N, C-alpha and C. Protein backbone atom coordinates (compact mmCIF):
# COMPACT_ATOMS: atom_id res chain seq x y z
N MET A 1 9.75 61.51 -37.22
CA MET A 1 8.43 60.78 -37.86
C MET A 1 6.74 61.81 -37.68
N LEU A 2 5.89 61.02 -38.61
CA LEU A 2 5.09 61.85 -38.42
C LEU A 2 4.71 61.44 -36.71
N GLN A 3 4.41 60.10 -36.34
CA GLN A 3 3.68 59.73 -35.33
C GLN A 3 4.80 60.87 -34.47
N ASP A 4 5.91 61.12 -34.14
CA ASP A 4 7.13 61.98 -32.83
C ASP A 4 6.17 63.02 -33.03
N GLU A 5 6.29 64.12 -34.35
CA GLU A 5 5.42 65.11 -35.02
C GLU A 5 4.57 65.33 -33.67
N ILE A 6 3.56 64.38 -33.95
CA ILE A 6 2.05 64.35 -33.30
C ILE A 6 1.90 64.26 -32.23
N LEU A 7 2.87 63.39 -31.85
CA LEU A 7 3.34 63.18 -30.08
C LEU A 7 3.82 63.78 -29.55
N GLY A 8 4.72 64.05 -30.30
CA GLY A 8 5.98 64.74 -29.08
C GLY A 8 4.92 65.65 -28.00
N GLY A 9 4.62 66.30 -27.92
CA GLY A 9 4.30 67.03 -27.10
C GLY A 9 3.32 66.77 -26.21
N SER A 10 2.35 65.37 -26.00
CA SER A 10 1.66 65.16 -24.87
C SER A 10 2.08 64.41 -24.59
N GLN A 11 2.19 64.25 -23.25
CA GLN A 11 2.46 63.00 -22.03
C GLN A 11 1.31 61.95 -21.71
N LEU A 12 2.12 61.22 -21.18
CA LEU A 12 1.52 59.74 -21.37
C LEU A 12 1.17 60.25 -19.85
N LEU A 13 -0.07 59.85 -19.48
CA LEU A 13 -0.81 59.42 -18.40
C LEU A 13 -0.99 58.45 -17.64
N SER A 14 -0.68 58.36 -16.47
CA SER A 14 -0.63 57.08 -15.91
C SER A 14 -1.88 56.59 -15.22
N ASP A 15 -2.16 54.98 -15.96
CA ASP A 15 -3.04 54.87 -15.59
C ASP A 15 -2.80 53.77 -14.65
N SER A 16 -3.85 54.37 -13.45
CA SER A 16 -3.35 54.10 -12.08
C SER A 16 -4.23 51.69 -12.23
N LEU A 17 -5.43 51.55 -12.91
CA LEU A 17 -6.01 50.21 -12.91
C LEU A 17 -4.72 49.53 -13.72
N ALA A 18 -3.99 50.12 -14.67
CA ALA A 18 -2.98 49.05 -15.76
C ALA A 18 -2.04 48.37 -14.03
N GLU A 19 -2.08 49.83 -13.15
CA GLU A 19 -0.40 49.04 -12.74
C GLU A 19 -1.25 48.90 -12.03
N SER A 20 -2.64 48.82 -11.34
CA SER A 20 -2.82 47.41 -10.33
C SER A 20 -3.02 46.31 -10.32
N LEU A 21 -3.46 46.02 -11.65
CA LEU A 21 -3.25 45.24 -12.69
C LEU A 21 -1.91 43.89 -12.35
N LYS A 22 -0.80 44.74 -12.55
CA LYS A 22 0.35 44.47 -13.11
C LYS A 22 1.12 44.44 -11.72
N SER A 23 0.70 44.44 -10.93
CA SER A 23 1.69 44.32 -9.91
C SER A 23 0.87 43.03 -9.09
N ARG A 24 -0.76 43.28 -9.46
CA ARG A 24 -2.03 41.40 -8.36
C ARG A 24 -0.93 40.65 -9.65
N TRP A 25 -0.17 41.38 -10.94
CA TRP A 25 0.12 40.00 -11.51
C TRP A 25 1.19 39.43 -11.25
N VAL A 26 2.17 40.18 -10.83
CA VAL A 26 4.15 40.41 -10.40
C VAL A 26 3.49 39.19 -9.06
N ALA A 27 2.56 39.73 -8.02
CA ALA A 27 2.70 39.10 -7.06
C ALA A 27 1.98 37.54 -7.04
N SER A 28 0.84 36.78 -8.23
CA SER A 28 1.16 35.98 -8.45
C SER A 28 1.08 35.33 -8.99
N TYR A 29 2.33 35.76 -10.37
CA TYR A 29 2.39 35.04 -11.19
C TYR A 29 4.25 34.98 -11.29
N GLY A 30 4.96 35.89 -10.18
CA GLY A 30 6.14 36.65 -10.69
C GLY A 30 5.64 38.06 -11.93
N PRO A 31 7.48 37.74 -12.13
CA PRO A 31 7.58 38.51 -13.04
C PRO A 31 6.64 38.80 -14.20
N ALA A 32 6.03 39.76 -15.46
CA ALA A 32 5.54 39.88 -15.86
C ALA A 32 6.52 39.74 -17.86
N PRO A 33 6.17 38.93 -18.25
CA PRO A 33 6.41 38.57 -19.45
C PRO A 33 7.50 39.71 -20.36
N ILE A 34 8.88 39.58 -20.68
CA ILE A 34 9.20 40.58 -21.41
C ILE A 34 10.57 40.01 -22.87
N CYS A 35 9.34 39.90 -23.46
CA CYS A 35 10.06 39.30 -24.20
C CYS A 35 9.72 39.51 -25.94
N GLN A 36 9.76 38.63 -27.00
CA GLN A 36 9.28 39.20 -27.87
C GLN A 36 7.88 38.34 -28.78
N THR A 37 7.51 37.68 -27.71
CA THR A 37 5.80 37.25 -27.74
C THR A 37 5.10 37.70 -26.63
N ALA A 38 5.15 38.64 -26.33
CA ALA A 38 4.58 38.86 -25.12
C ALA A 38 3.59 39.49 -25.11
N SER A 39 3.58 40.27 -26.34
CA SER A 39 1.77 40.81 -27.05
C SER A 39 1.35 39.88 -26.87
N LYS A 40 1.70 38.92 -26.82
CA LYS A 40 0.70 37.29 -27.67
C LYS A 40 -0.04 37.66 -26.38
N GLN A 41 -1.46 36.66 -25.55
CA GLN A 41 -2.00 36.10 -25.24
C GLN A 41 -1.42 34.67 -24.36
N SER A 42 -1.05 33.88 -25.34
CA SER A 42 -0.86 32.35 -24.37
C SER A 42 0.66 32.57 -23.85
N THR A 43 1.24 34.15 -24.26
CA THR A 43 2.58 33.89 -23.32
C THR A 43 2.03 34.71 -21.97
N TRP A 44 1.12 35.74 -21.47
CA TRP A 44 0.58 35.12 -20.43
C TRP A 44 -0.33 34.51 -19.88
N ASP A 45 -0.98 33.14 -20.52
CA ASP A 45 -1.16 32.83 -20.08
C ASP A 45 -0.16 31.46 -20.07
N LYS A 46 0.98 30.87 -20.21
CA LYS A 46 1.46 30.66 -19.46
C LYS A 46 0.89 30.15 -18.26
N SER A 47 2.07 31.39 -17.65
CA SER A 47 2.59 31.25 -15.53
C SER A 47 0.85 30.98 -15.28
N GLY A 48 0.06 31.70 -16.12
CA GLY A 48 -1.32 31.37 -14.76
C GLY A 48 -1.55 30.11 -14.84
N ILE A 49 -2.01 28.89 -15.92
CA ILE A 49 -2.10 27.93 -16.04
C ILE A 49 -0.52 27.13 -15.97
N LEU A 50 0.09 27.18 -15.15
CA LEU A 50 1.11 26.34 -14.64
C LEU A 50 0.76 26.69 -13.22
N ALA A 51 0.46 27.92 -12.44
CA ALA A 51 0.31 27.91 -11.15
C ALA A 51 -1.05 27.50 -10.50
N GLU A 52 -2.21 27.18 -11.16
CA GLU A 52 -3.26 26.55 -11.56
C GLU A 52 -2.98 24.91 -11.21
N SER A 53 -2.95 24.83 -11.99
CA SER A 53 -2.12 23.02 -12.67
C SER A 53 -1.58 22.57 -11.06
N THR A 54 -0.44 23.24 -11.41
CA THR A 54 0.30 22.75 -9.89
C THR A 54 -0.83 23.15 -8.28
N ALA A 55 -1.79 23.56 -8.28
CA ALA A 55 -2.77 24.26 -7.06
C ALA A 55 -3.89 23.46 -7.16
N VAL A 56 -4.24 22.64 -8.49
CA VAL A 56 -4.91 21.73 -9.00
C VAL A 56 -4.04 20.20 -8.37
N GLU A 57 -3.31 19.83 -8.40
CA GLU A 57 -2.23 19.12 -8.34
C GLU A 57 -1.85 18.75 -7.23
N GLU A 58 -1.89 19.77 -6.21
CA GLU A 58 -1.73 20.01 -4.65
C GLU A 58 -3.14 19.30 -4.06
N THR A 59 -4.14 19.24 -4.43
CA THR A 59 -4.99 19.18 -3.95
C THR A 59 -5.54 18.09 -3.61
N ARG A 60 -5.09 17.06 -5.04
CA ARG A 60 -5.07 15.67 -5.50
C ARG A 60 -4.72 15.07 -3.89
N THR A 61 -4.74 14.61 -3.29
CA THR A 61 -4.48 13.78 -2.33
C THR A 61 -4.04 12.92 -2.01
N SER A 62 -5.19 11.70 -2.96
CA SER A 62 -5.01 9.98 -2.20
C SER A 62 -4.88 9.53 -4.06
N PRO A 63 -4.16 8.54 -3.84
CA PRO A 63 -3.27 8.18 -4.79
C PRO A 63 -4.57 7.74 -6.05
N PHE A 64 -6.14 7.29 -5.49
CA PHE A 64 -7.06 7.44 -6.66
C PHE A 64 -7.46 9.01 -7.39
N GLN A 65 -6.96 9.68 -6.52
CA GLN A 65 -7.35 11.01 -7.35
C GLN A 65 -6.23 11.92 -7.82
N GLN A 66 -5.02 11.36 -8.04
CA GLN A 66 -4.48 11.79 -8.38
C GLN A 66 -4.30 10.43 -9.77
N ALA A 67 -4.76 9.17 -9.66
CA ALA A 67 -5.02 8.97 -10.85
C ALA A 67 -6.16 9.53 -11.93
N CYS A 68 -6.84 9.81 -11.56
CA CYS A 68 -8.23 10.57 -12.36
C CYS A 68 -7.69 11.26 -12.87
N LEU A 69 -7.20 12.73 -12.06
CA LEU A 69 -5.98 13.69 -12.27
C LEU A 69 -5.32 13.23 -13.73
N LEU A 70 -4.36 12.39 -13.79
CA LEU A 70 -3.12 12.80 -14.44
C LEU A 70 -3.97 11.42 -15.95
N ALA A 71 -4.99 10.24 -15.77
CA ALA A 71 -6.26 10.15 -16.91
C ALA A 71 -6.22 10.85 -17.47
N ALA A 72 -7.32 11.88 -17.02
CA ALA A 72 -7.74 13.61 -18.00
C ALA A 72 -6.57 14.33 -18.46
N CYS A 73 -5.98 14.46 -17.59
CA CYS A 73 -4.83 14.61 -18.61
C CYS A 73 -3.88 14.38 -19.87
N VAL A 74 -3.86 13.05 -19.85
CA VAL A 74 -3.91 12.47 -20.92
C VAL A 74 -3.86 12.82 -22.60
N PRO A 75 -2.62 12.90 -24.05
CA PRO A 75 -3.37 13.05 -24.95
C PRO A 75 -5.00 12.89 -25.28
N HIS A 76 -5.43 12.40 -25.79
CA HIS A 76 -6.58 12.18 -26.54
C HIS A 76 -7.64 11.35 -25.37
N SER A 77 -7.82 11.53 -24.51
CA SER A 77 -7.87 11.49 -22.56
C SER A 77 -9.80 11.25 -23.42
N GLY A 78 -10.21 12.32 -23.60
CA GLY A 78 -11.50 12.28 -24.23
C GLY A 78 -11.84 12.44 -25.35
N ASP A 79 -11.21 11.87 -26.24
CA ASP A 79 -11.42 11.18 -27.81
C ASP A 79 -12.48 10.72 -28.24
N TRP A 80 -13.08 9.83 -26.93
CA TRP A 80 -14.19 9.18 -26.72
C TRP A 80 -15.75 10.16 -26.96
N LEU A 81 -16.09 11.48 -26.75
CA LEU A 81 -16.63 12.02 -26.91
C LEU A 81 -16.95 12.52 -28.38
N LEU A 82 -15.92 12.53 -29.00
CA LEU A 82 -16.22 13.18 -30.09
C LEU A 82 -16.67 11.64 -31.15
N ALA A 83 -17.11 11.11 -30.67
CA ALA A 83 -17.45 9.68 -31.26
C ALA A 83 -18.64 9.62 -31.99
N LEU A 84 -18.97 9.93 -32.98
CA LEU A 84 -20.49 9.92 -33.79
C LEU A 84 -21.80 8.88 -33.05
N PRO A 85 -22.63 9.04 -32.90
CA PRO A 85 -24.07 8.42 -32.29
C PRO A 85 -24.78 7.49 -33.49
N LEU A 86 -23.97 6.23 -33.92
CA LEU A 86 -24.21 6.13 -35.25
C LEU A 86 -25.36 4.86 -34.63
N THR A 87 -26.90 5.48 -35.12
CA THR A 87 -27.74 4.57 -33.92
C THR A 87 -27.86 3.07 -35.01
N VAL A 88 -27.14 2.73 -35.62
CA VAL A 88 -27.82 1.57 -36.88
C VAL A 88 -26.96 0.61 -36.37
N TYR A 89 -25.59 0.75 -36.34
CA TYR A 89 -24.61 0.00 -35.40
C TYR A 89 -24.71 -0.49 -34.59
N GLY A 90 -25.79 0.30 -33.55
CA GLY A 90 -25.71 0.59 -31.77
C GLY A 90 -24.82 1.79 -31.07
N LEU A 91 -24.29 2.66 -32.26
CA LEU A 91 -22.86 2.77 -31.37
C LEU A 91 -23.59 4.60 -30.77
N TRP A 92 -24.27 4.55 -29.39
CA TRP A 92 -24.84 5.30 -28.81
C TRP A 92 -25.50 5.27 -27.86
N LEU A 93 -25.13 6.05 -26.52
CA LEU A 93 -25.50 6.36 -25.32
C LEU A 93 -26.90 7.11 -24.81
N ASP A 94 -27.64 6.41 -24.53
CA ASP A 94 -28.96 7.26 -23.52
C ASP A 94 -28.23 8.25 -22.68
N ASP A 95 -29.37 9.30 -22.43
CA ASP A 95 -28.11 10.24 -21.60
C ASP A 95 -27.58 9.77 -20.29
N GLU A 96 -28.65 8.47 -19.64
CA GLU A 96 -28.40 8.45 -17.77
C GLU A 96 -26.50 7.13 -18.24
N ALA A 97 -26.42 6.97 -19.05
CA ALA A 97 -25.21 6.52 -19.58
C ALA A 97 -24.17 7.28 -19.42
N VAL A 98 -24.40 9.00 -20.65
CA VAL A 98 -23.79 9.42 -20.89
C VAL A 98 -22.99 10.38 -19.23
N HIS A 99 -23.82 9.91 -18.25
CA HIS A 99 -24.02 11.49 -17.48
C HIS A 99 -22.32 10.28 -16.61
N ILE A 100 -23.05 8.83 -15.80
CA ILE A 100 -22.02 8.45 -15.49
C ILE A 100 -21.10 7.92 -16.08
N SER A 101 -20.91 8.35 -17.09
CA SER A 101 -19.48 8.46 -18.19
C SER A 101 -19.12 9.39 -18.05
N VAL A 102 -19.66 10.20 -17.78
CA VAL A 102 -18.64 12.16 -17.44
C VAL A 102 -18.13 12.29 -16.78
N ALA A 103 -19.54 11.42 -15.33
CA ALA A 103 -19.18 11.40 -13.51
C ALA A 103 -17.92 10.60 -13.92
N LEU A 104 -17.76 9.33 -14.48
CA LEU A 104 -17.08 8.46 -13.55
C LEU A 104 -15.24 9.36 -15.11
N ARG A 105 -15.35 9.67 -15.50
CA ARG A 105 -14.67 10.12 -16.20
C ARG A 105 -14.25 11.39 -16.09
N LEU A 106 -14.64 12.13 -15.01
CA LEU A 106 -14.03 12.69 -14.40
C LEU A 106 -13.89 12.74 -12.69
N GLY A 107 -14.06 11.68 -12.21
CA GLY A 107 -13.78 11.34 -11.06
C GLY A 107 -14.65 11.18 -9.83
N SER A 108 -15.77 12.04 -10.18
CA SER A 108 -16.58 13.19 -9.28
C SER A 108 -17.73 12.18 -9.22
N VAL A 109 -18.04 12.54 -7.81
CA VAL A 109 -19.17 11.78 -7.17
C VAL A 109 -20.52 12.97 -7.67
N PHE A 110 -21.11 11.22 -8.23
CA PHE A 110 -22.57 12.07 -8.29
C PHE A 110 -23.62 11.82 -7.76
N ILE A 111 -24.88 12.41 -7.48
CA ILE A 111 -26.12 11.24 -7.27
C ILE A 111 -26.89 11.26 -8.09
N LEU A 112 -27.95 10.71 -8.57
CA LEU A 112 -28.52 10.43 -9.05
C LEU A 112 -29.95 9.99 -9.47
N VAL A 113 -30.90 10.95 -9.53
CA VAL A 113 -32.23 11.54 -9.21
C VAL A 113 -32.81 11.24 -9.95
N VAL A 114 -34.08 10.36 -10.38
CA VAL A 114 -34.64 9.39 -10.80
C VAL A 114 -36.20 9.97 -10.34
N ALA A 115 -36.92 10.81 -11.91
CA ALA A 115 -38.21 11.22 -11.13
C ALA A 115 -39.20 10.17 -11.30
N VAL A 116 -40.21 9.64 -10.65
CA VAL A 116 -40.93 8.49 -11.25
C VAL A 116 -42.16 8.79 -11.04
């Protein structure tokens, strides 16, 4: 093949950065993907996403925190954010209501500062 003729005499150079990153990947997430889909980013992301989601789940100690996390992970749980603000029908939220709704949705503690 033409490619073999062109590259036949060349030597592959070692890439220390690539080797370093690969060893960090293996240490963090296990063996690197070796399959037909290894060239896809989503294949590499799966291991990291599973590890990070497990770490997040382990930090939730109280039943309330676990319930908030599980509720946020349910499909279509954030669909209310896609609702159109139709003011003619009274379907709108002011800024403060949106802040409170999002904070409650995320289960976060917030301090409301009102400028006087």
